N, C-alpha and C. Protein backbone atom coordinates (compact mmCIF):
# COMPACT_ATOMS: atom_id res chain seq x y z
N MET A 1 20.37 19.76 -35.31
CA MET A 1 21.97 19.16 -35.81
C MET A 1 23.05 18.84 -34.34
N GLU A 2 23.34 17.74 -34.46
CA GLU A 2 24.43 17.69 -33.23
C GLU A 2 25.57 18.09 -33.78
N ASN A 3 26.45 18.51 -32.76
CA ASN A 3 27.60 19.02 -32.95
C ASN A 3 28.61 17.90 -32.88
N PRO A 4 29.37 17.81 -34.04
CA PRO A 4 30.33 16.33 -34.09
C PRO A 4 31.08 16.40 -33.16
N ILE A 5 31.79 17.70 -32.68
CA ILE A 5 32.91 17.95 -31.29
C ILE A 5 32.78 17.66 -30.16
N ASN A 6 30.93 17.31 -29.84
CA ASN A 6 30.65 16.91 -28.57
C ASN A 6 30.35 15.25 -28.37
N ASP A 7 30.36 14.75 -30.03
CA ASP A 7 30.08 13.04 -29.91
C ASP A 7 31.57 12.30 -29.40
N LEU A 8 31.32 11.41 -28.89
CA LEU A 8 32.19 10.21 -28.74
C LEU A 8 33.16 9.98 -29.82
N THR A 9 34.50 10.21 -29.97
CA THR A 9 35.42 9.89 -30.81
C THR A 9 36.15 8.22 -30.70
N THR A 10 36.03 7.57 -31.37
CA THR A 10 36.83 6.30 -31.20
C THR A 10 37.62 6.02 -32.32
N VAL A 11 38.83 5.28 -31.76
CA VAL A 11 40.04 4.81 -33.13
C VAL A 11 40.38 3.89 -32.72
N ASN A 12 40.19 3.09 -33.76
CA ASN A 12 40.84 1.35 -33.63
C ASN A 12 42.10 1.62 -33.75
N ALA A 13 42.95 0.27 -33.37
CA ALA A 13 44.30 0.30 -33.49
C ALA A 13 44.94 0.65 -34.52
N GLN A 14 44.37 0.12 -36.00
CA GLN A 14 44.83 0.28 -37.16
C GLN A 14 44.40 1.71 -37.69
N ASP A 15 43.66 2.28 -37.10
CA ASP A 15 43.06 3.34 -37.84
C ASP A 15 44.11 4.62 -37.95
N GLY A 16 43.90 5.59 -38.53
CA GLY A 16 44.71 7.07 -38.50
C GLY A 16 45.80 7.12 -39.57
N GLN A 17 46.18 8.07 -40.22
CA GLN A 17 46.90 8.12 -41.21
C GLN A 17 48.20 8.21 -41.00
N ILE A 18 49.16 6.88 -41.77
CA ILE A 18 50.63 7.24 -41.36
C ILE A 18 51.34 7.78 -41.95
N LEU A 19 52.25 8.76 -41.42
CA LEU A 19 53.24 9.32 -42.06
C LEU A 19 54.83 8.76 -41.99
N SER A 20 55.55 8.98 -42.65
CA SER A 20 57.22 8.64 -42.87
C SER A 20 57.42 10.04 -42.39
N VAL A 21 58.35 10.38 -41.55
CA VAL A 21 59.16 11.70 -41.36
C VAL A 21 60.55 11.44 -40.98
N VAL A 22 61.45 11.90 -41.88
CA VAL A 22 62.84 11.26 -41.64
C VAL A 22 63.17 10.24 -41.05
N GLY A 23 62.45 8.97 -41.70
CA GLY A 23 62.51 8.03 -41.16
C GLY A 23 61.93 7.39 -40.14
N ASP A 24 61.01 8.39 -39.18
CA ASP A 24 60.27 7.74 -37.99
C ASP A 24 58.76 7.41 -38.84
N THR A 25 57.90 6.61 -37.96
CA THR A 25 56.62 6.34 -38.54
C THR A 25 55.81 7.07 -37.22
N TYR A 26 54.74 7.93 -37.61
CA TYR A 26 53.90 8.81 -37.15
C TYR A 26 52.46 8.19 -37.54
N ARG A 27 51.61 7.86 -36.68
CA ARG A 27 50.23 7.44 -36.85
C ARG A 27 49.49 8.50 -36.26
N LEU A 28 48.50 9.25 -37.08
CA LEU A 28 48.01 10.35 -36.69
C LEU A 28 46.71 9.57 -35.90
N VAL A 29 46.64 9.48 -34.59
CA VAL A 29 45.55 8.73 -33.98
C VAL A 29 44.18 9.65 -34.04
N ILE A 30 44.48 10.93 -33.82
CA ILE A 30 43.17 11.59 -33.79
C ILE A 30 44.04 13.30 -34.04
N THR A 31 43.37 13.72 -35.22
CA THR A 31 43.69 14.94 -35.31
C THR A 31 42.61 16.25 -35.08
N GLY A 32 43.39 17.58 -35.29
CA GLY A 32 42.53 18.77 -35.17
C GLY A 32 41.47 18.96 -35.59
N GLU A 33 41.39 18.06 -36.96
CA GLU A 33 39.84 18.14 -37.67
C GLU A 33 38.78 17.43 -37.04
N GLN A 34 39.14 16.09 -36.34
CA GLN A 34 38.75 15.54 -35.16
C GLN A 34 37.99 15.98 -33.59
N THR A 35 39.02 17.25 -33.49
CA THR A 35 38.67 17.62 -32.20
C THR A 35 38.67 19.22 -32.24
N GLY A 36 38.52 19.85 -33.19
CA GLY A 36 37.84 20.94 -33.59
C GLY A 36 39.03 21.99 -33.34
N GLY A 37 40.30 21.51 -33.82
CA GLY A 37 41.34 22.39 -33.74
C GLY A 37 42.16 22.23 -31.95
N ALA A 38 41.37 21.37 -31.23
CA ALA A 38 41.70 21.76 -29.74
C ALA A 38 43.34 20.66 -29.46
N TYR A 39 43.33 20.01 -29.84
CA TYR A 39 44.76 18.95 -29.81
C TYR A 39 44.96 18.05 -30.85
N ALA A 40 45.75 17.27 -30.95
CA ALA A 40 45.99 16.06 -31.89
C ALA A 40 47.15 14.96 -30.85
N ALA A 41 46.71 13.73 -31.32
CA ALA A 41 47.33 12.61 -30.59
C ALA A 41 47.90 11.99 -31.73
N ILE A 42 49.38 11.63 -31.42
CA ILE A 42 50.48 10.87 -32.33
C ILE A 42 50.99 9.79 -31.79
N ASP A 43 51.24 8.69 -32.61
CA ASP A 43 51.51 7.28 -31.99
C ASP A 43 52.83 7.31 -32.88
N MET A 44 53.99 7.54 -31.85
CA MET A 44 55.35 7.77 -32.89
C MET A 44 56.37 6.17 -32.57
N LEU A 45 56.80 5.93 -33.88
CA LEU A 45 57.95 5.02 -33.85
C LEU A 45 59.23 5.36 -34.16
N ILE A 46 60.26 5.51 -33.40
CA ILE A 46 61.37 6.17 -33.75
C ILE A 46 62.68 4.86 -33.49
N PRO A 47 62.90 4.67 -34.88
CA PRO A 47 64.11 3.56 -34.95
C PRO A 47 65.32 4.09 -34.49
N PRO A 48 66.19 3.15 -34.16
CA PRO A 48 67.75 3.42 -33.73
C PRO A 48 68.38 4.52 -34.49
N GLN A 49 68.98 5.55 -33.92
CA GLN A 49 69.58 6.69 -34.69
C GLN A 49 68.27 7.57 -35.09
N GLY A 50 67.11 7.29 -35.33
CA GLY A 50 66.03 8.49 -35.53
C GLY A 50 65.74 9.44 -34.68
N GLY A 51 65.05 10.10 -35.11
CA GLY A 51 64.33 11.29 -34.65
C GLY A 51 64.84 12.78 -35.26
N PRO A 52 63.82 13.66 -35.08
CA PRO A 52 64.03 15.26 -35.94
C PRO A 52 65.17 15.60 -35.42
N GLY A 53 65.57 16.38 -36.40
CA GLY A 53 66.34 17.25 -36.02
C GLY A 53 66.01 18.71 -35.26
N PRO A 54 66.57 19.45 -34.54
CA PRO A 54 66.47 20.53 -34.37
C PRO A 54 65.28 21.40 -34.65
N HIS A 55 64.18 21.87 -34.19
CA HIS A 55 63.03 22.57 -34.77
C HIS A 55 62.34 23.47 -33.47
N ALA A 56 61.64 23.77 -33.99
CA ALA A 56 60.25 24.94 -32.77
C ALA A 56 59.05 24.81 -33.28
N HIS A 57 58.23 24.83 -32.40
CA HIS A 57 56.78 25.01 -32.57
C HIS A 57 56.25 26.40 -31.93
N ALA A 58 55.91 27.62 -32.51
CA ALA A 58 55.72 28.80 -31.97
C ALA A 58 54.22 28.88 -31.42
N ASN A 59 53.74 28.11 -32.17
CA ASN A 59 52.20 28.06 -31.90
C ASN A 59 51.41 27.03 -31.39
N PHE A 60 52.13 26.25 -30.99
CA PHE A 60 51.57 24.93 -30.14
C PHE A 60 52.65 24.08 -29.22
N GLN A 61 51.96 23.54 -28.05
CA GLN A 61 52.51 22.99 -27.11
C GLN A 61 52.66 21.59 -27.16
N GLU A 62 54.33 21.08 -27.25
CA GLU A 62 54.12 19.51 -27.64
C GLU A 62 54.34 18.92 -26.44
N SER A 63 53.88 17.51 -25.86
CA SER A 63 54.36 16.60 -24.87
C SER A 63 54.57 15.31 -25.39
N PHE A 64 55.42 14.37 -24.83
CA PHE A 64 55.34 13.33 -25.19
C PHE A 64 55.59 12.03 -23.78
N TYR A 65 55.16 11.05 -24.04
CA TYR A 65 55.12 10.39 -23.03
C TYR A 65 55.94 8.92 -23.75
N VAL A 66 57.34 8.36 -22.78
CA VAL A 66 57.77 7.41 -23.60
C VAL A 66 57.20 6.29 -23.12
N LEU A 67 56.40 5.41 -24.32
CA LEU A 67 55.86 3.99 -24.28
C LEU A 67 56.76 2.71 -23.84
N GLU A 68 57.76 2.76 -24.69
CA GLU A 68 58.79 1.81 -24.42
C GLU A 68 60.14 2.34 -25.16
N GLY A 69 61.09 1.94 -24.79
CA GLY A 69 62.66 2.64 -25.35
C GLY A 69 62.85 3.73 -24.49
N GLU A 70 63.91 4.84 -25.25
CA GLU A 70 64.28 5.94 -24.71
C GLU A 70 64.83 6.82 -25.73
N VAL A 71 64.33 8.04 -25.88
CA VAL A 71 65.47 9.15 -26.50
C VAL A 71 65.72 9.87 -25.95
N VAL A 72 66.78 10.78 -26.47
CA VAL A 72 67.58 11.74 -25.62
C VAL A 72 67.17 12.97 -26.49
N VAL A 73 66.54 13.86 -25.09
CA VAL A 73 65.97 15.13 -25.73
C VAL A 73 66.65 16.14 -25.55
N LYS A 74 67.01 17.11 -26.52
CA LYS A 74 67.93 18.14 -26.43
C LYS A 74 67.32 19.67 -26.55
N THR A 75 67.68 20.81 -25.92
CA THR A 75 67.55 22.03 -26.13
C THR A 75 68.84 22.75 -26.10
N LYS A 76 68.90 24.06 -26.27
CA LYS A 76 69.95 24.38 -26.08
C LYS A 76 70.67 24.70 -24.61
N ALA A 77 69.66 24.63 -23.79
CA ALA A 77 70.08 24.70 -22.13
C ALA A 77 70.37 23.42 -21.40
N GLN A 78 69.62 22.15 -21.97
CA GLN A 78 69.46 21.01 -21.55
C GLN A 78 69.19 19.87 -22.41
N SER A 79 69.89 18.80 -21.60
CA SER A 79 69.72 17.46 -22.06
C SER A 79 69.07 16.03 -21.38
N PHE A 80 68.20 15.64 -21.96
CA PHE A 80 67.32 14.85 -20.83
C PHE A 80 67.14 13.47 -21.51
N VAL A 81 67.84 12.33 -20.70
CA VAL A 81 67.25 11.06 -21.27
C VAL A 81 66.08 10.45 -20.81
N ALA A 82 65.13 10.24 -21.52
CA ALA A 82 63.52 10.16 -21.77
C ALA A 82 63.51 8.62 -21.80
N ARG A 83 63.78 8.00 -20.64
CA ARG A 83 63.21 6.59 -20.83
C ARG A 83 62.04 6.10 -20.53
N LYS A 84 61.40 4.71 -20.64
CA LYS A 84 59.96 4.31 -20.63
C LYS A 84 59.59 4.68 -19.27
N GLY A 85 58.10 5.44 -19.42
CA GLY A 85 57.65 5.95 -18.46
C GLY A 85 57.84 7.50 -18.51
N SER A 86 58.98 7.97 -18.88
CA SER A 86 59.27 9.38 -18.85
C SER A 86 58.11 10.15 -19.76
N PHE A 87 58.04 11.67 -19.13
CA PHE A 87 57.05 12.39 -19.65
C PHE A 87 58.04 13.55 -20.00
N VAL A 88 57.96 14.29 -21.40
CA VAL A 88 58.50 15.64 -21.54
C VAL A 88 57.45 16.71 -22.10
N ASN A 89 57.82 17.86 -21.66
CA ASN A 89 56.75 18.91 -22.13
C ASN A 89 57.46 19.82 -22.57
N ILE A 90 57.29 20.23 -24.04
CA ILE A 90 57.99 21.50 -24.36
C ILE A 90 56.89 22.48 -24.74
N PRO A 91 56.86 23.69 -24.00
CA PRO A 91 55.78 24.66 -23.84
C PRO A 91 55.73 25.38 -25.13
N LYS A 92 54.65 25.80 -25.30
CA LYS A 92 54.29 26.97 -26.34
C LYS A 92 55.30 28.17 -26.24
N GLY A 93 55.76 28.56 -27.57
CA GLY A 93 56.95 29.59 -27.46
C GLY A 93 58.03 29.37 -28.08
N GLY A 94 58.22 28.45 -29.04
CA GLY A 94 59.31 28.11 -29.71
C GLY A 94 60.62 27.70 -29.29
N VAL A 95 60.56 27.11 -28.07
CA VAL A 95 61.76 26.82 -27.90
C VAL A 95 62.74 25.61 -28.71
N VAL A 96 63.53 25.74 -29.10
CA VAL A 96 64.48 24.95 -29.92
C VAL A 96 64.72 23.64 -29.59
N HIS A 97 64.44 22.51 -30.03
CA HIS A 97 64.47 21.18 -29.46
C HIS A 97 65.07 19.97 -30.48
N ASN A 98 65.38 19.19 -30.11
CA ASN A 98 65.36 17.69 -30.96
C ASN A 98 65.12 16.52 -29.89
N PHE A 99 64.89 15.30 -30.50
CA PHE A 99 65.32 14.57 -29.70
C PHE A 99 65.62 13.01 -30.60
N LYS A 100 66.32 12.28 -30.35
CA LYS A 100 67.00 11.41 -30.82
C LYS A 100 67.15 9.85 -30.09
N ASN A 101 66.82 8.83 -30.90
CA ASN A 101 67.04 7.50 -30.01
C ASN A 101 68.28 7.12 -30.35
N GLU A 102 69.45 6.90 -29.17
CA GLU A 102 70.54 6.90 -29.31
C GLU A 102 70.79 5.25 -28.99
N THR A 103 69.78 4.45 -29.07
CA THR A 103 69.90 2.79 -28.56
C THR A 103 69.73 1.93 -29.92
N ASP A 104 69.80 0.73 -29.89
CA ASP A 104 69.88 -0.06 -30.91
C ASP A 104 68.22 -0.71 -30.95
N THR A 105 67.38 -0.14 -30.50
CA THR A 105 65.99 -0.66 -30.40
C THR A 105 64.83 0.56 -30.66
N ILE A 106 63.54 0.07 -30.92
CA ILE A 106 62.67 1.26 -31.54
C ILE A 106 62.35 1.82 -30.27
N ALA A 107 62.02 3.48 -30.15
CA ALA A 107 61.25 3.88 -29.17
C ALA A 107 60.10 4.00 -29.50
N HIS A 108 58.87 3.76 -28.42
CA HIS A 108 57.64 4.17 -28.77
C HIS A 108 57.24 5.62 -28.16
N LEU A 109 56.84 6.53 -28.77
CA LEU A 109 56.11 7.64 -27.80
C LEU A 109 54.89 7.95 -28.49
N TRP A 110 54.38 8.47 -27.12
CA TRP A 110 52.82 8.84 -27.44
C TRP A 110 53.02 10.46 -27.18
N CYS A 111 52.48 11.21 -28.65
CA CYS A 111 52.68 12.67 -28.42
C CYS A 111 51.39 13.33 -28.32
N VAL A 112 51.47 14.35 -27.90
CA VAL A 112 49.94 15.41 -28.13
C VAL A 112 50.28 16.70 -28.21
N VAL A 113 50.24 16.91 -29.23
CA VAL A 113 49.98 18.81 -29.58
C VAL A 113 48.68 19.48 -29.25
N VAL A 114 48.83 20.75 -28.45
CA VAL A 114 47.97 21.50 -28.19
C VAL A 114 47.87 23.12 -28.27
N PRO A 115 47.37 23.84 -29.17
CA PRO A 115 46.17 23.19 -30.15
C PRO A 115 47.03 22.36 -31.03
N ALA A 116 45.77 21.88 -31.91
CA ALA A 116 46.31 20.81 -32.78
C ALA A 116 47.03 21.69 -34.41
């Protein structure tokens, strides 16, 4: 019997569960179930004035790459305007953070969480 974790995984552009979270649209492109818990990838559309409130992830690392638009990322210690081409890494360990689209156009982010 082959180990499905070692098989090639392909995902079409329309595949993946779509979730609405605080008005944002998240498409679960690949989940921990598909990667043996190693990671998950999420395609995120953040509308104007959208984005999650302050939160933390004690058990996983979150990073995202801005494909289009921009978001303001905040922690207690800093604020960063992440524009197209920017990369943000939020380390494992629970730093409280949030991000918000303060523009009038949709922001498009690619998010990876490790482990899933």
